[in-house]
C-alpha atoms as a PDB file:
ATOM      1  CA  MET A   1     174.445  81.598  63.879  1.00  0.00           C
ATOM      2  CA  LYS A   2     174.292  77.943  64.427  1.00  0.00           C
ATOM      3  CA  LYS A   3     173.775  78.419  68.090  1.00  0.00           C
ATOM      4  CA  MET A   4     170.836  80.692  67.502  1.00  0.00           C
ATOM      5  CA  LEU A   5     169.220  78.149  65.043  1.00  0.00           C
ATOM      6  CA  LEU A   6     169.465  75.489  67.787  1.00  0.00           C
ATOM      7  CA  VAL A   7     167.778  77.692  70.209  1.00  0.00           C
ATOM      8  CA  LEU A   8     164.973  78.584  67.811  1.00  0.00           C
ATOM      9  CA  ALA A   9     164.343  74.874  67.073  1.00  0.00           C
ATOM     10  CA  SER A  10     164.330  74.061  70.880  1.00  0.00           C
ATOM     11  CA  LEU A  11     161.671  76.813  71.350  1.00  0.00           C
ATOM     12  CA  ALA A  12     159.655  75.552  68.440  1.00  0.00           C
ATOM     13  CA  LEU A  13     159.593  72.071  69.803  1.00  0.00           C
ATOM     14  CA  VAL A  14     158.687  73.270  73.282  1.00  0.00           C
ATOM     15  CA  ALA A  15     155.838  75.379  71.801  1.00  0.00           C
ATOM     16  CA  CYS A  16     154.607  72.495  69.697  1.00  0.00           C
ATOM     17  CA  GLY A  17     154.738  70.206  72.861  1.00  0.00           C
ATOM     18  CA  GLY A  18     152.667  72.636  74.835  1.00  0.00           C
ATOM     19  CA  LYS A  19     150.117  73.038  72.101  1.00  0.00           C
ATOM     20  CA  GLN A  20     149.565  69.184  71.973  1.00  0.00           C
ATOM     21  CA  GLU A  21     149.215  68.975  75.823  1.00  0.00           C
ATOM     22  CA  SER A  22     146.660  71.769  75.860  1.00  0.00           C
ATOM     23  CA  GLN A  23     144.588  70.037  73.140  1.00  0.00           C
ATOM     24  CA  THR A  24     144.341  66.730  75.160  1.00  0.00           C
ATOM     25  CA  GLU A  25     140.828  66.192  76.077  1.00  0.00           C
ATOM     26  CA  GLU A  26     139.984  65.530  79.792  1.00  0.00           C
ATOM     27  CA  ALA A  27     138.421  62.045  80.593  1.00  0.00           C
ATOM     28  CA  VAL A  28     134.693  62.218  81.664  1.00  0.00           C
ATOM     29  CA  ARG A  29     133.909  60.220  84.744  1.00  0.00           C
ATOM     30  CA  VAL A  30     130.838  57.987  84.101  1.00  0.00           C
ATOM     31  CA  VAL A  31     129.017  54.953  85.348  1.00  0.00           C
ATOM     32  CA  THR A  32     128.584  52.094  82.882  1.00  0.00           C
ATOM     33  CA  GLU A  33     126.587  48.876  82.798  1.00  0.00           C
ATOM     34  CA  LYS A  34     127.085  45.854  80.547  1.00  0.00           C
ATOM     35  CA  ALA A  35     123.999  44.827  78.505  1.00  0.00           C
ATOM     36  CA  VAL A  36     122.918  41.195  79.449  1.00  0.00           C
ATOM     37  CA  MET A  37     120.026  39.062  78.461  1.00  0.00           C
ATOM     38  CA  THR A  38     117.621  38.704  81.427  1.00  0.00           C
ATOM     39  CA  SER A  39     114.046  37.587  82.271  1.00  0.00           C
ATOM     40  CA  ASP A  40     113.941  39.786  85.298  1.00  0.00           C
ATOM     41  CA  TYR A  41     112.397  42.628  83.159  1.00  0.00           C
ATOM     42  CA  SER A  42     108.816  41.346  83.612  1.00  0.00           C
ATOM     43  CA  GLN A  43     109.077  39.832  87.037  1.00  0.00           C
ATOM     44  CA  LEU A  44     106.739  41.121  89.721  1.00  0.00           C
ATOM     45  CA  PRO A  45     107.840  40.917  93.372  1.00  0.00           C
ATOM     46  CA  TYR A  46     105.587  39.832  96.214  1.00  0.00           C
ATOM     47  CA  VAL A  47     105.914  38.713  99.809  1.00  0.00           C
ATOM     48  CA  GLY A  48     104.054  35.577 100.879  1.00  0.00           C
ATOM     49  CA  VAL A  49     103.659  33.179 103.768  1.00  0.00           C
ATOM     50  CA  VAL A  50     104.141  29.369 103.527  1.00  0.00           C
ATOM     51  CA  GLU A  51     101.280  27.321 104.593  1.00  0.00           C
ATOM     52  CA  GLU A  52     100.615  23.615 104.997  1.00  0.00           C
ATOM     53  CA  GLU A  53      98.768  21.801 102.205  1.00  0.00           C
ATOM     54  CA  SER A  54      96.241  20.490 104.679  1.00  0.00           C
ATOM     55  CA  SER A  55      95.705  20.359 108.406  1.00  0.00           C
ATOM     56  CA  THR A  56      94.008  17.542 110.285  1.00  0.00           C
ATOM     57  CA  MET A  57      92.670  18.177 113.874  1.00  0.00           C
ATOM     58  CA  VAL A  58      92.853  14.963 115.976  1.00  0.00           C
ATOM     59  CA  SER A  59      90.526  14.542 118.926  1.00  0.00           C
ATOM     60  CA  PHE A  60      88.931  11.940 121.148  1.00  0.00           C
ATOM     61  CA  THR A  61      85.146  11.023 121.179  1.00  0.00           C
ATOM     62  CA  GLY A  62      84.761  10.673 124.756  1.00  0.00           C
ATOM     63  CA  MET A  63      85.718  12.720 128.016  1.00  0.00           C
ATOM     64  CA  ALA A  64      88.502  11.597 130.115  1.00  0.00           C
ATOM     65  CA  VAL A  65      91.941  12.615 131.404  1.00  0.00           C
ATOM     66  CA  LEU A  66      94.714  12.605 128.846  1.00  0.00           C
ATOM     67  CA  LYS A  67      96.984   9.594 129.950  1.00  0.00           C
ATOM     68  CA  SER A  68      99.905   9.749 127.514  1.00  0.00           C
ATOM     69  CA  MET A  69     101.190  11.575 124.257  1.00  0.00           C
ATOM     70  CA  THR A  70     103.563   9.416 122.198  1.00  0.00           C
ATOM     71  CA  VAL A  71     104.634  12.219 119.712  1.00  0.00           C
ATOM     72  CA  SER A  72     106.229  15.708 119.897  1.00  0.00           C
ATOM     73  CA  GLU A  73     105.916  18.766 117.867  1.00  0.00           C
ATOM     74  CA  GLY A  74     107.686  18.688 114.380  1.00  0.00           C
ATOM     75  CA  GLN A  75     107.681  14.841 114.436  1.00  0.00           C
ATOM     76  CA  SER A  76     106.807  12.998 111.253  1.00  0.00           C
ATOM     77  CA  VAL A  77     104.066  10.246 111.734  1.00  0.00           C
ATOM     78  CA  LYS A  78     102.661   7.627 109.555  1.00  0.00           C
ATOM     79  CA  LYS A  79      98.995   6.873 109.016  1.00  0.00           C
ATOM     80  CA  GLY A  80      97.874   4.589 111.649  1.00  0.00           C
ATOM     81  CA  GLN A  81     100.609   5.456 114.233  1.00  0.00           C
ATOM     82  CA  LEU A  82      99.588   5.684 117.918  1.00  0.00           C
ATOM     83  CA  LEU A  83      99.519   9.290 118.987  1.00  0.00           C
ATOM     84  CA  ALA A  84      97.839   9.582 122.397  1.00  0.00           C
ATOM     85  CA  THR A  85      95.666   7.682 125.142  1.00  0.00           C
ATOM     86  CA  ILE A  86      93.293   8.754 127.791  1.00  0.00           C
ATOM     87  CA  ASP A  87      92.311   7.002 131.005  1.00  0.00           C
ATOM     88  CA  ASP A  88      90.301   3.915 129.901  1.00  0.00           C
ATOM     89  CA  THR A  89      89.267   2.778 133.517  1.00  0.00           C
ATOM     90  CA  GLN A  90      85.588   3.635 132.905  1.00  0.00           C
ATOM     91  CA  ALA A  91      85.535   2.233 129.499  1.00  0.00           C
ATOM     92  CA  ARG A  92      87.087  -1.075 130.659  1.00  0.00           C
ATOM     93  CA  ASN A  93      84.382  -1.358 133.426  1.00  0.00           C
ATOM     94  CA  ALA A  94      81.594  -0.655 131.045  1.00  0.00           C
ATOM     95  CA  LEU A  95      82.903  -3.331 128.804  1.00  0.00           C
ATOM     96  CA  ALA A  96      83.100  -5.844 131.621  1.00  0.00           C
ATOM     97  CA  ALA A  97      79.521  -5.155 132.562  1.00  0.00           C
ATOM     98  CA  ALA A  98      78.356  -5.455 128.816  1.00  0.00           C
ATOM     99  CA  LYS A  99      80.225  -8.634 128.481  1.00  0.00           C
ATOM    100  CA  ALA A 100      78.526 -10.132 131.632  1.00  0.00           C
ATOM    101  CA  SER A 101      75.086  -9.008 130.219  1.00  0.00           C
ATOM    102  CA  LEU A 102      75.817 -10.567 126.870  1.00  0.00           C
ATOM    103  CA  ASP A 103      76.926 -13.911 128.476  1.00  0.00           C
ATOM    104  CA  GLN A 104      73.694 -13.975 130.568  1.00  0.00           C
ATOM    105  CA  ALA A 105      71.518 -13.310 127.380  1.00  0.00           C
ATOM    106  CA  LEU A 106      73.296 -15.993 125.453  1.00  0.00           C
ATOM    107  CA  ASP A 107      72.845 -18.525 128.309  1.00  0.00           C
ATOM    108  CA  ALA A 108      69.096 -17.629 128.463  1.00  0.00           C
ATOM    109  CA  GLN A 109      68.933 -18.089 124.855  1.00  0.00           C
ATOM    110  CA  GLN A 110      70.477 -21.477 124.885  1.00  0.00           C
ATOM    111  CA  ARG A 111      68.161 -22.659 127.617  1.00  0.00           C
ATOM    112  CA  MET A 112      64.989 -21.311 125.929  1.00  0.00           C
ATOM    113  CA  LYS A 113      65.927 -22.781 122.629  1.00  0.00           C
ATOM    114  CA  LEU A 114      65.362 -26.257 123.990  1.00  0.00           C
ATOM    115  CA  LEU A 115      61.906 -25.320 125.037  1.00  0.00           C
ATOM    116  CA  HIS A 116      61.343 -23.529 121.668  1.00  0.00           C
ATOM    117  CA  ASP A 117      62.417 -26.602 119.735  1.00  0.00           C
ATOM    118  CA  ASN A 118      59.999 -28.722 121.783  1.00  0.00           C
ATOM    119  CA  GLN A 119      57.271 -26.300 120.955  1.00  0.00           C
ATOM    120  CA  SER A 120      56.949 -25.663 124.619  1.00  0.00           C
ATOM    121  CA  LEU A 121      57.771 -22.069 124.515  1.00  0.00           C
ATOM    122  CA  PRO A 122      55.302 -19.361 123.083  1.00  0.00           C
ATOM    123  CA  GLU A 123      56.768 -17.679 119.920  1.00  0.00           C
ATOM    124  CA  ILE A 124      56.440 -14.330 121.446  1.00  0.00           C
ATOM    125  CA  LYS A 125      58.548 -15.305 124.385  1.00  0.00           C
ATOM    126  CA  TRP A 126      61.232 -16.651 122.021  1.00  0.00           C
ATOM    127  CA  VAL A 127      61.306 -13.212 120.145  1.00  0.00           C
ATOM    128  CA  GLU A 128      61.754 -11.556 123.403  1.00  0.00           C
ATOM    129  CA  VAL A 129      64.750 -13.710 124.226  1.00  0.00           C
ATOM    130  CA  GLU A 130      66.408 -13.085 120.803  1.00  0.00           C
ATOM    131  CA  SER A 131      65.854  -9.434 121.143  1.00  0.00           C
ATOM    132  CA  GLN A 132      67.520  -9.414 124.490  1.00  0.00           C
ATOM    133  CA  VAL A 133      70.645 -11.117 122.951  1.00  0.00           C
ATOM    134  CA  GLN A 134      70.802  -8.579 120.087  1.00  0.00           C
ATOM    135  CA  GLN A 135      70.473  -5.655 122.551  1.00  0.00           C
ATOM    136  CA  ALA A 136      73.280  -7.193 124.792  1.00  0.00           C
ATOM    137  CA  ARG A 137      75.431  -7.735 121.812  1.00  0.00           C
ATOM    138  CA  SER A 138      75.010  -4.079 120.598  1.00  0.00           C
ATOM    139  CA  ALA A 139      75.795  -2.800 124.038  1.00  0.00           C
ATOM    140  CA  TYR A 140      78.930  -4.879 124.008  1.00  0.00           C
ATOM    141  CA  ASP A 141      80.055  -3.696 120.645  1.00  0.00           C
ATOM    142  CA  ILE A 142      79.630  -0.032 121.743  1.00  0.00           C
ATOM    143  CA  CYS A 143      81.708  -0.702 124.907  1.00  0.00           C
ATOM    144  CA  VAL A 144      84.351  -2.296 122.677  1.00  0.00           C
ATOM    145  CA  LYS A 145      84.406   0.760 120.458  1.00  0.00           C
ATOM    146  CA  ASN A 146      84.461   3.169 123.435  1.00  0.00           C
ATOM    147  CA  LEU A 147      87.489   1.341 124.803  1.00  0.00           C
ATOM    148  CA  SER A 148      89.216   1.453 121.413  1.00  0.00           C
ATOM    149  CA  ASP A 149      88.438   5.179 121.224  1.00  0.00           C
ATOM    150  CA  CYS A 150      90.685   5.631 124.277  1.00  0.00           C
ATOM    151  CA  ARG A 151      93.633   5.458 121.938  1.00  0.00           C
ATOM    152  CA  ILE A 152      93.806   7.663 118.924  1.00  0.00           C
ATOM    153  CA  TYR A 153      95.886   6.841 115.833  1.00  0.00           C
ATOM    154  CA  ALA A 154      97.091   9.101 113.082  1.00  0.00           C
ATOM    155  CA  PRO A 155      94.359   9.459 110.406  1.00  0.00           C
ATOM    156  CA  VAL A 156      96.889  10.588 107.826  1.00  0.00           C
ATOM    157  CA  SER A 157     100.590  10.846 107.351  1.00  0.00           C
ATOM    158  CA  GLY A 158     102.427  14.039 107.951  1.00  0.00           C
ATOM    159  CA  VAL A 159     104.070  16.192 110.702  1.00  0.00           C
ATOM    160  CA  VAL A 160     102.815  17.028 114.194  1.00  0.00           C
ATOM    161  CA  GLY A 161     102.112  20.755 113.912  1.00  0.00           C
ATOM    162  CA  SER A 162     101.160  21.551 117.515  1.00  0.00           C
ATOM    163  CA  LYS A 163     100.086  19.835 120.678  1.00  0.00           C
ATOM    164  CA  ILE A 164      96.943  21.618 122.234  1.00  0.00           C
ATOM    165  CA  LEU A 165      96.532  19.623 125.272  1.00  0.00           C
ATOM    166  CA  GLY A 166      99.106  18.182 127.572  1.00  0.00           C
ATOM    167  CA  VAL A 167      99.180  14.977 129.816  1.00  0.00           C
ATOM    168  CA  GLY A 168      96.955  15.347 132.784  1.00  0.00           C
ATOM    169  CA  GLU A 169      94.431  17.595 131.229  1.00  0.00           C
ATOM    170  CA  THR A 170      90.751  16.750 130.772  1.00  0.00           C
ATOM    171  CA  VAL A 171      89.935  15.875 127.188  1.00  0.00           C
ATOM    172  CA  LEU A 172      86.351  16.816 125.977  1.00  0.00           C
ATOM    173  CA  PRO A 173      84.571  15.085 123.224  1.00  0.00           C
ATOM    174  CA  THR A 174      85.601  16.489 119.670  1.00  0.00           C
ATOM    175  CA  GLU A 175      88.129  18.818 121.372  1.00  0.00           C
ATOM    176  CA  PRO A 176      91.283  18.973 119.363  1.00  0.00           C
ATOM    177  CA  VAL A 177      94.258  17.415 121.115  1.00  0.00           C
ATOM    178  CA  LEU A 178      96.908  18.003 118.340  1.00  0.00           C
ATOM    179  CA  THR A 179      97.289  18.814 114.694  1.00  0.00           C
ATOM    180  CA  ILE A 180      98.819  16.875 111.903  1.00  0.00           C
ATOM    181  CA  LEU A 181     100.222  18.993 108.932  1.00  0.00           C
ATOM    182  CA  SER A 182     100.595  17.657 105.408  1.00  0.00           C
ATOM    183  CA  ILE A 183     103.826  19.454 103.988  1.00  0.00           C
ATOM    184  CA  ASN A 184     105.008  17.061 101.293  1.00  0.00           C
ATOM    185  CA  ASN A 185     103.651  19.916  99.208  1.00  0.00           C
ATOM    186  CA  VAL A 186     102.992  23.479 100.596  1.00  0.00           C
ATOM    187  CA  LYS A 187     101.094  26.371  99.596  1.00  0.00           C
ATOM    188  CA  VAL A 188     102.390  29.991  99.624  1.00  0.00           C
ATOM    189  CA  ARG A 189      99.729  32.512 100.326  1.00  0.00           C
ATOM    190  CA  VAL A 190     100.226  35.854  98.625  1.00  0.00           C
ATOM    191  CA  SER A 191      98.024  39.005  98.573  1.00  0.00           C
ATOM    192  CA  ILE A 192      97.769  40.468  95.083  1.00  0.00           C
ATOM    193  CA  PRO A 193      96.359  44.009  94.423  1.00  0.00           C
ATOM    194  CA  GLU A 194      93.221  44.083  92.482  1.00  0.00           C
ATOM    195  CA  ARG A 195      94.847  45.826  89.476  1.00  0.00           C
ATOM    196  CA  GLU A 196      97.168  42.928  88.947  1.00  0.00           C
ATOM    197  CA  ILE A 197      95.062  39.884  89.718  1.00  0.00           C
ATOM    198  CA  ALA A 198      93.747  39.676  86.160  1.00  0.00           C
ATOM    199  CA  SER A 199      97.193  39.116  84.841  1.00  0.00           C
ATOM    200  CA  ILE A 200      97.801  35.996  87.084  1.00  0.00           C
ATOM    201  CA  THR A 201      96.540  32.633  85.754  1.00  0.00           C
ATOM    202  CA  ALA A 202      96.668  29.081  87.259  1.00  0.00           C
ATOM    203  CA  GLN A 203      99.819  28.516  85.176  1.00  0.00           C
ATOM    204  CA  THR A 204     101.643  31.902  85.698  1.00  0.00           C
ATOM    205  CA  PRO A 205     105.469  30.994  86.262  1.00  0.00           C
ATOM    206  CA  THR A 206     106.594  31.649  89.806  1.00  0.00           C
ATOM    207  CA  ARG A 207     109.684  31.278  91.836  1.00  0.00           C
ATOM    208  CA  LEU A 208     110.224  31.868  95.520  1.00  0.00           C
ATOM    209  CA  THR A 209     113.018  32.118  98.030  1.00  0.00           C
ATOM    210  CA  VAL A 210     113.029  32.271 101.854  1.00  0.00           C
ATOM    211  CA  ASP A 211     115.615  33.835 104.223  1.00  0.00           C
ATOM    212  CA  ALA A 212     115.747  30.710 106.275  1.00  0.00           C
ATOM    213  CA  LEU A 213     117.242  28.877 103.227  1.00  0.00           C
ATOM    214  CA  PRO A 214     119.673  31.268 101.693  1.00  0.00           C
ATOM    215  CA  GLY A 215     120.900  30.378  98.228  1.00  0.00           C
ATOM    216  CA  GLU A 216     117.890  28.106  97.428  1.00  0.00           C
ATOM    217  CA  THR A 217     115.147  28.884  94.948  1.00  0.00           C
ATOM    218  CA  PHE A 218     111.829  26.841  94.680  1.00  0.00           C
ATOM    219  CA  VAL A 219     109.784  26.668  91.543  1.00  0.00           C
ATOM    220  CA  GLY A 220     105.891  27.305  92.075  1.00  0.00           C
ATOM    221  CA  GLY A 221     103.185  25.014  90.511  1.00  0.00           C
ATOM    222  CA  THR A 222      99.583  25.581  90.109  1.00  0.00           C
ATOM    223  CA  ILE A 223      97.940  28.630  91.483  1.00  0.00           C
ATOM    224  CA  GLU A 224      94.692  28.850  93.186  1.00  0.00           C
ATOM    225  CA  LYS A 225      93.020  32.351  92.886  1.00  0.00           C
ATOM    226  CA  GLY A 226      90.650  33.643  95.435  1.00  0.00           C
ATOM    227  CA  VAL A 227      87.457  35.348  94.317  1.00  0.00           C
ATOM    228  CA  SER A 228      86.727  37.520  97.401  1.00  0.00           C
ATOM    229  CA  ALA A 229      88.741  40.621  97.965  1.00  0.00           C
ATOM    230  CA  ASP A 230      89.721  41.982 101.277  1.00  0.00           C
ATOM    231  CA  PRO A 231      87.365  45.039 101.767  1.00  0.00           C
ATOM    232  CA  MET A 232      90.106  46.940 103.679  1.00  0.00           C
ATOM    233  CA  THR A 233      93.114  46.393 101.431  1.00  0.00           C
ATOM    234  CA  HIS A 234      91.406  45.600  98.110  1.00  0.00           C
ATOM    235  CA  THR A 235      93.717  42.570  97.494  1.00  0.00           C
ATOM    236  CA  TYR A 236      93.100  38.933  96.542  1.00  0.00           C
ATOM    237  CA  ASP A 237      94.694  36.039  98.045  1.00  0.00           C
ATOM    238  CA  ILE A 238      96.228  33.450  95.876  1.00  0.00           C
ATOM    239  CA  ARG A 239      97.894  30.246  96.903  1.00  0.00           C
ATOM    240  CA  ILE A 240     100.838  28.810  94.914  1.00  0.00           C
ATOM    241  CA  ARG A 241     101.517  25.069  95.224  1.00  0.00           C
ATOM    242  CA  VAL A 242     105.123  24.134  95.742  1.00  0.00           C
ATOM    243  CA  ALA A 243     106.716  20.798  95.991  1.00  0.00           C
ATOM    244  CA  ASN A 244     108.533  20.385  99.374  1.00  0.00           C
ATOM    245  CA  PRO A 245     111.071  17.338  99.168  1.00  0.00           C
ATOM    246  CA  GLY A 246     112.894  17.071 102.490  1.00  0.00           C
ATOM    247  CA  HIS A 247     110.252  19.283 104.313  1.00  0.00           C
ATOM    248  CA  LYS A 248     112.572  22.197 104.011  1.00  0.00           C
ATOM    249  CA  LEU A 249     109.740  24.634 103.691  1.00  0.00           C
ATOM    250  CA  LEU A 250     107.798  24.959 106.878  1.00  0.00           C
ATOM    251  CA  PRO A 251     104.501  26.667 107.715  1.00  0.00           C
ATOM    252  CA  GLY A 252     104.892  30.351 108.735  1.00  0.00           C
ATOM    253  CA  MET A 253     108.054  30.939 106.880  1.00  0.00           C
ATOM    254  CA  VAL A 254     108.130  34.204 104.923  1.00  0.00           C
ATOM    255  CA  ALA A 255     108.680  33.801 101.157  1.00  0.00           C
ATOM    256  CA  ARG A 256     109.792  36.286  98.484  1.00  0.00           C
ATOM    257  CA  VAL A 257     107.777  35.390  95.365  1.00  0.00           C
ATOM    258  CA  THR A 258     108.555  36.580  91.836  1.00  0.00           C
ATOM    259  CA  MET A 259     106.072  36.058  88.905  1.00  0.00           C
ATOM    260  CA  ASN A 260     106.607  36.538  85.286  1.00  0.00           C
ATOM    261  CA  GLY A 261     103.098  37.612  84.339  1.00  0.00           C
ATOM    262  CA  SER A 262     102.156  35.942  81.039  1.00  0.00           C
ATOM    263  CA  LYS A 263     105.788  35.395  80.156  1.00  0.00           C
ATOM    264  CA  GLY A 264     107.961  32.446  81.149  1.00  0.00           C
ATOM    265  CA  PHE A 265     111.331  32.707  83.052  1.00  0.00           C
ATOM    266  CA  GLU A 266     112.973  31.550  79.759  1.00  0.00           C
ATOM    267  CA  ASP A 267     111.766  34.683  77.886  1.00  0.00           C
ATOM    268  CA  LYS A 268     115.006  36.825  78.039  1.00  0.00           C
ATOM    269  CA  ARG A 269     115.469  40.334  76.812  1.00  0.00           C
ATOM    270  CA  LEU A 270     118.137  43.029  76.780  1.00  0.00           C
ATOM    271  CA  THR A 271     117.091  45.914  79.103  1.00  0.00           C
ATOM    272  CA  LEU A 272     118.634  49.148  80.237  1.00  0.00           C
ATOM    273  CA  PRO A 273     117.908  51.852  82.698  1.00  0.00           C
ATOM    274  CA  VAL A 274     115.357  54.251  81.065  1.00  0.00           C
ATOM    275  CA  LYS A 275     117.873  57.259  81.821  1.00  0.00           C
ATOM    276  CA  ALA A 276     120.568  55.582  79.726  1.00  0.00           C
ATOM    277  CA  VAL A 277     118.521  56.029  76.516  1.00  0.00           C
ATOM    278  CA  GLN A 278     118.932  59.510  74.988  1.00  0.00           C
ATOM    279  CA  GLN A 279     116.839  61.347  72.292  1.00  0.00           C
ATOM    280  CA  SER A 280     118.532  63.352  69.558  1.00  0.00           C
ATOM    281  CA  THR A 281     117.242  66.416  67.945  1.00  0.00           C
ATOM    282  CA  ASP A 282     115.704  64.354  65.113  1.00  0.00           C
ATOM    283  CA  LYS A 283     113.736  62.276  67.710  1.00  0.00           C
ATOM    284  CA  SER A 284     115.744  59.178  67.052  1.00  0.00           C
ATOM    285  CA  LEU A 285     117.017  57.184  70.183  1.00  0.00           C
ATOM    286  CA  PHE A 286     120.672  56.426  71.031  1.00  0.00           C
ATOM    287  CA  VAL A 287     122.838  55.318  73.783  1.00  0.00           C
ATOM    288  CA  TRP A 288     126.620  55.900  74.634  1.00  0.00           C
ATOM    289  CA  VAL A 289     128.584  52.721  74.312  1.00  0.00           C
ATOM    290  CA  VAL A 290     132.161  52.362  75.501  1.00  0.00           C
ATOM    291  CA  ARG A 291     134.791  51.104  73.078  1.00  0.00           C
ATOM    292  CA  ASP A 292     138.693  51.199  73.930  1.00  0.00           C
ATOM    293  CA  GLY A 293     138.018  53.703  76.611  1.00  0.00           C
ATOM    294  CA  LYS A 294     136.015  56.164  74.549  1.00  0.00           C
ATOM    295  CA  ALA A 295     132.217  56.871  74.287  1.00  0.00           C
ATOM    296  CA  TYR A 296     130.350  56.596  71.001  1.00  0.00           C
ATOM    297  CA  ARG A 297     126.738  57.087  69.889  1.00  0.00           C
ATOM    298  CA  GLN A 298     124.859  54.092  68.940  1.00  0.00           C
ATOM    299  CA  SER A 299     121.238  54.095  67.598  1.00  0.00           C
ATOM    300  CA  VAL A 300     118.747  51.767  69.290  1.00  0.00           C
ATOM    301  CA  SER A 301     114.997  50.890  69.222  1.00  0.00           C
ATOM    302  CA  VAL A 302     113.151  50.205  72.361  1.00  0.00           C
ATOM    303  CA  GLY A 303     110.048  48.477  73.514  1.00  0.00           C
ATOM    304  CA  GLU A 304     108.021  48.411  76.710  1.00  0.00           C
ATOM    305  CA  MET A 305     109.060  49.942  80.025  1.00  0.00           C
ATOM    306  CA  THR A 306     109.042  47.822  82.968  1.00  0.00           C
ATOM    307  CA  GLY A 307     109.646  49.870  86.181  1.00  0.00           C
ATOM    308  CA  ASN A 308     112.650  51.989  85.670  1.00  0.00           C
ATOM    309  CA  ARG A 309     114.105  49.964  82.781  1.00  0.00           C
ATOM    310  CA  VAL A 310     113.307  49.575  79.109  1.00  0.00           C
ATOM    311  CA  ILE A 311     113.551  46.629  76.782  1.00  0.00           C
ATOM    312  CA  VAL A 312     116.055  47.197  73.877  1.00  0.00           C
ATOM    313  CA  LEU A 313     114.662  45.660  70.708  1.00  0.00           C
ATOM    314  CA  SER A 314     117.698  46.347  68.413  1.00  0.00           C
ATOM    315  CA  GLY A 315     120.895  48.278  68.022  1.00  0.00           C
ATOM    316  CA  LEU A 316     122.610  46.665  71.007  1.00  0.00           C
ATOM    317  CA  THR A 317     124.271  43.267  71.560  1.00  0.00           C
ATOM    318  CA  GLU A 318     124.850  41.427  74.744  1.00  0.00           C
ATOM    319  CA  GLY A 319     128.133  42.278  76.471  1.00  0.00           C
ATOM    320  CA  GLU A 320     128.428  45.834  75.084  1.00  0.00           C
ATOM    321  CA  GLU A 321     129.143  48.428  77.831  1.00  0.00           C
ATOM    322  CA  VAL A 322     126.672  51.205  78.028  1.00  0.00           C
ATOM    323  CA  VAL A 323     126.927  54.583  79.964  1.00  0.00           C
ATOM    324  CA  VAL A 324     124.161  54.924  82.516  1.00  0.00           C
ATOM    325  CA  GLU A 325     125.322  57.963  84.347  1.00  0.00           C
ATOM    326  CA  GLY A 326     127.535  60.933  83.678  1.00  0.00           C
ATOM    327  CA  TYR A 327     126.670  61.005  79.826  1.00  0.00           C
ATOM    328  CA  GLN A 328     125.804  64.802  79.924  1.00  0.00           C
ATOM    329  CA  LYS A 329     129.328  65.944  79.076  1.00  0.00           C
ATOM    330  CA  LEU A 330     130.027  63.289  76.455  1.00  0.00           C
ATOM    331  CA  GLY A 331     130.656  63.905  72.830  1.00  0.00           C
ATOM    332  CA  GLU A 332     131.569  61.569  70.057  1.00  0.00           C
ATOM    333  CA  GLY A 333     134.892  59.805  70.878  1.00  0.00           C
ATOM    334  CA  SER A 334     135.051  61.460  74.423  1.00  0.00           C
ATOM    335  CA  PRO A 335     137.507  59.573  76.635  1.00  0.00           C
ATOM    336  CA  ILE A 336     135.899  58.187  79.761  1.00  0.00           C
ATOM    337  CA  THR A 337     136.831  57.156  83.232  1.00  0.00           C
ATOM    338  CA  ARG A 338     134.998  55.064  85.709  1.00  0.00           C
END
């Protein structure tokens, strides 16, 4: 009898154990995301090109053969620094001839002055002598200037952008020999679609990165807006002024630009993927939050949508873990796995 009671008790324990195991709910595999405060919700991404703040074309005023170039591309130059020279043989010979003519005119003036002072020279003759001196002096000054123009100096400080002519080539008047770029500050040119140009102002917050400088972010300054649209693409060009200490940003670099519309980068909000927010039968909104390995409903209120995300106004705090995928099979208190 006692043996039978032990057997029945054992069977009861086994049955109870099997019933408990069969009632264990299977964990649902989901993808989760932690709610964090970010300003990315209103950022608009664009691609731009870095440009110099200003470009100065340097040229000679006369025609001659380029004799020397004292700078190279990419070299920093100071205002007044010698850049290049042309053959000055013709200019020197012209100056020597002008000097001789001036000396002759001055000698004649000195001789005629004695006659003029003694009133032995007609006044009209004396005026003619003085006119010859003035003409000779003007011709001499022009020759001095022409000789000086055989050497060109940097009109501004900056960086040599490109050398257009090489040593030995013939230089023509006003033909550019090289360019000097001002890059202490640069401008980033961005094409903006016409439907978005109205939201951008001169003070719209901007940031940019370039692939050539990984890990570095630059803050944009004042924005210049173009008023003429490209007839083919219906876009407007804007130029963002960016400080460039160390000349890290160079003309031609491709930049990735983000703008925060009318909001600043410090305006941070909680956002979630739109698909993470569910609607119950009574039209209220909720999300599935994870606590201790289980999913629970949590009511939320939301604001505007930005792309595929929505701003959470209330009902959620930073750091809470929210289910963003796999919520279809969830129930209140369902165990989850990732």
